[in-house]
Amino acid sequence: MKKTIFLLFAFVIAFSLNSCSSDDDSSSASSGDKIVGTWKFTGEMINGNFEPDITDECDEELLIFSANNTGKIIDKYCDDVDDVYPFTWEKTGDSPFNYVIVDSETGQETPGIIVFSSDFKKFTAYNSEQDMIDEDFGTVYEKQ
């Protein structure tokens, strides 16, 4: 389950971030700017329906995206032992939805697609374009 969530997180991160060069206009926010920050797992999209996270309140999963294209997934547990998974991310194409997340420990690359809510306070990460179109399965995160 954690690897599945990690892969979905990687997709989300990759999808939402844009690479920025030093000549970018800082007055205009890119999708990369919008992904930077801390995001909390809130549930899953299954067959087009949102299923809220039903784990204990003290258990939570956080995705942290940094502006320098690094990040980490933190799985917090009620027993106070946290699992931390560092990664790097980059945008891989002209589409704002396609990205690659690279597991910093294993080097495994995970492509994915992220779809932001209209207010950019939530996003859903999908493993594939078909999952996004069909809304078969995606993980939902909310900005903290």
Protein backbone atom coordinates (compact mmCIF):
# COMPACT_ATOMS: atom_id res chain seq x y z
CA MET A 1 0.00 0.00 0.00
CA LYS A 2 2.81 2.44 0.88
CA LYS A 3 4.56 1.76 -2.44
CA THR A 4 1.29 2.35 -4.27
CA ILE A 5 0.75 5.60 -2.42
CA PHE A 6 4.37 6.58 -3.06
CA LEU A 7 3.97 5.93 -6.77
CA LEU A 8 0.78 7.94 -6.85
CA PHE A 9 2.45 10.71 -4.92
CA ALA A 10 5.31 10.72 -7.36
CA PHE A 11 2.83 11.05 -10.19
CA VAL A 12 1.13 13.92 -8.50
CA ILE A 13 4.35 15.72 -7.80
CA ALA A 14 5.64 15.22 -11.28
CA PHE A 15 2.41 16.37 -12.81
CA SER A 16 1.98 19.55 -10.84
CA LEU A 17 5.45 21.00 -11.00
CA ASN A 18 6.93 23.05 -13.79
CA SER A 19 10.60 23.62 -14.38
CA CYS A 20 11.46 27.28 -14.12
CA SER A 21 14.41 29.12 -15.59
CA SER A 22 15.98 32.25 -14.17
CA ASP A 23 14.26 34.36 -16.82
CA ASP A 24 10.74 33.31 -15.78
CA ASP A 25 8.42 36.15 -14.89
CA SER A 26 8.12 35.91 -11.12
CA SER A 27 4.80 37.78 -11.18
CA SER A 28 3.03 34.89 -12.88
CA ALA A 29 2.51 31.71 -10.89
CA SER A 30 3.25 28.47 -12.71
CA SER A 31 1.81 25.08 -11.80
CA GLY A 32 5.27 24.37 -10.33
CA ASP A 33 4.77 27.23 -7.90
CA LYS A 34 1.40 25.82 -6.96
CA ILE A 35 2.71 22.34 -6.14
CA VAL A 36 5.41 23.62 -3.81
CA GLY A 37 4.39 23.11 -0.18
CA THR A 38 2.95 20.43 2.07
CA TRP A 39 0.04 18.28 0.90
CA LYS A 40 -1.99 15.86 3.04
CA PHE A 41 -3.56 12.65 1.72
CA THR A 42 -7.34 12.95 2.14
CA GLY A 43 -8.71 9.99 0.20
CA GLU A 44 -9.03 8.25 -3.15
CA MET A 45 -11.02 8.66 -6.33
CA ILE A 46 -12.45 5.24 -7.19
CA ASN A 47 -14.66 4.85 -10.27
CA GLY A 48 -15.37 8.59 -10.22
CA ASN A 49 -16.37 8.71 -6.55
CA PHE A 50 -14.37 10.26 -3.71
CA GLU A 51 -13.66 7.83 -0.86
CA PRO A 52 -12.34 9.69 2.21
CA ASP A 53 -9.32 8.46 4.16
CA ILE A 54 -10.58 6.29 7.03
CA THR A 55 -7.33 5.72 8.93
CA ASP A 56 -6.83 6.83 12.54
CA GLU A 57 -6.60 10.60 13.00
CA CYS A 58 -3.02 10.28 14.23
CA ASP A 59 -2.03 8.41 11.05
CA GLU A 60 -1.40 10.65 8.05
CA GLU A 61 0.53 10.84 4.83
CA LEU A 62 2.18 14.09 3.80
CA LEU A 63 3.77 15.03 0.49
CA ILE A 64 6.26 17.85 0.64
CA PHE A 65 7.35 19.47 -2.64
CA SER A 66 10.28 21.87 -2.57
CA ALA A 67 11.04 24.56 -5.14
CA ASN A 68 14.45 22.98 -5.84
CA ASN A 69 12.76 19.90 -7.38
CA THR A 70 13.21 17.74 -4.30
CA GLY A 71 10.62 16.45 -1.90
CA LYS A 72 9.65 13.76 0.54
CA ILE A 73 6.74 11.60 1.47
CA ILE A 74 6.17 11.27 5.18
CA ASP A 75 3.98 8.49 6.55
CA LYS A 76 3.12 9.41 10.15
CA TYR A 77 1.80 6.72 12.45
CA CYS A 78 0.06 6.72 15.81
CA ASP A 79 3.07 4.96 17.35
CA ASP A 80 5.24 8.04 16.59
CA VAL A 81 7.47 6.16 14.13
CA ASP A 82 7.51 7.98 10.79
CA ASP A 83 8.60 6.61 7.42
CA VAL A 84 10.26 9.18 5.15
CA TYR A 85 10.76 8.67 1.41
CA PRO A 86 12.86 11.34 -0.33
CA PHE A 87 12.43 11.98 -4.05
CA THR A 88 13.22 14.40 -6.85
CA TRP A 89 10.73 15.54 -9.45
CA GLU A 90 10.75 17.15 -12.86
CA LYS A 91 8.31 18.11 -15.54
CA THR A 92 8.78 15.85 -18.56
CA GLY A 93 6.78 17.47 -21.32
CA ASP A 94 4.85 20.42 -22.58
CA SER A 95 1.61 19.19 -21.06
CA PRO A 96 1.11 20.53 -17.53
CA PHE A 97 -0.06 17.07 -16.45
CA ASN A 98 2.96 14.88 -17.22
CA TYR A 99 5.84 14.49 -14.79
CA VAL A 100 8.38 12.02 -13.47
CA ILE A 101 9.21 11.38 -9.83
CA VAL A 102 12.52 9.71 -9.00
CA ASP A 103 12.86 7.75 -5.75
CA SER A 104 16.06 9.13 -4.16
CA GLU A 105 16.89 5.77 -2.57
CA THR A 106 16.26 3.38 -5.45
CA GLY A 107 16.44 5.63 -8.52
CA GLN A 108 13.10 4.23 -9.69
CA GLU A 109 11.33 6.64 -12.04
CA THR A 110 7.57 6.94 -11.79
CA PRO A 111 5.64 8.96 -14.37
CA GLY A 112 2.26 10.35 -13.49
CA ILE A 113 -0.52 12.84 -14.03
CA ILE A 114 -1.83 15.43 -11.56
CA VAL A 115 -5.08 17.33 -11.83
CA PHE A 116 -5.54 20.39 -9.62
CA SER A 117 -8.87 21.63 -8.31
CA SER A 118 -9.91 25.00 -9.72
CA ASP A 119 -8.66 26.80 -6.59
CA PHE A 120 -5.36 24.83 -6.51
CA LYS A 121 -6.01 23.71 -2.92
CA LYS A 122 -6.43 20.04 -3.86
CA PHE A 123 -5.09 17.70 -6.50
CA THR A 124 -5.67 14.17 -7.66
CA ALA A 125 -2.75 12.04 -8.80
CA TYR A 126 -3.26 9.37 -11.44
CA ASN A 127 -0.98 6.54 -12.61
CA SER A 128 -1.99 6.89 -16.24
CA GLU A 129 -3.90 9.06 -18.68
CA GLN A 130 -6.55 6.35 -18.94
CA ASP A 131 -7.02 6.32 -15.14
CA MET A 132 -7.48 10.10 -15.32
CA ILE A 133 -10.01 9.91 -18.16
CA ASP A 134 -11.97 7.06 -16.58
CA GLU A 135 -11.41 8.27 -12.99
CA ASP A 136 -10.79 4.60 -12.15
CA PHE A 137 -8.30 5.30 -9.38
CA GLY A 138 -6.44 8.33 -8.11
CA THR A 139 -5.15 9.66 -4.81
CA VAL A 140 -6.38 13.00 -3.49
CA TYR A 141 -4.27 15.50 -1.54
CA GLU A 142 -5.11 18.82 0.09
CA LYS A 143 -2.70 21.74 0.59
CA GLN A 144 -1.80 22.36 4.23
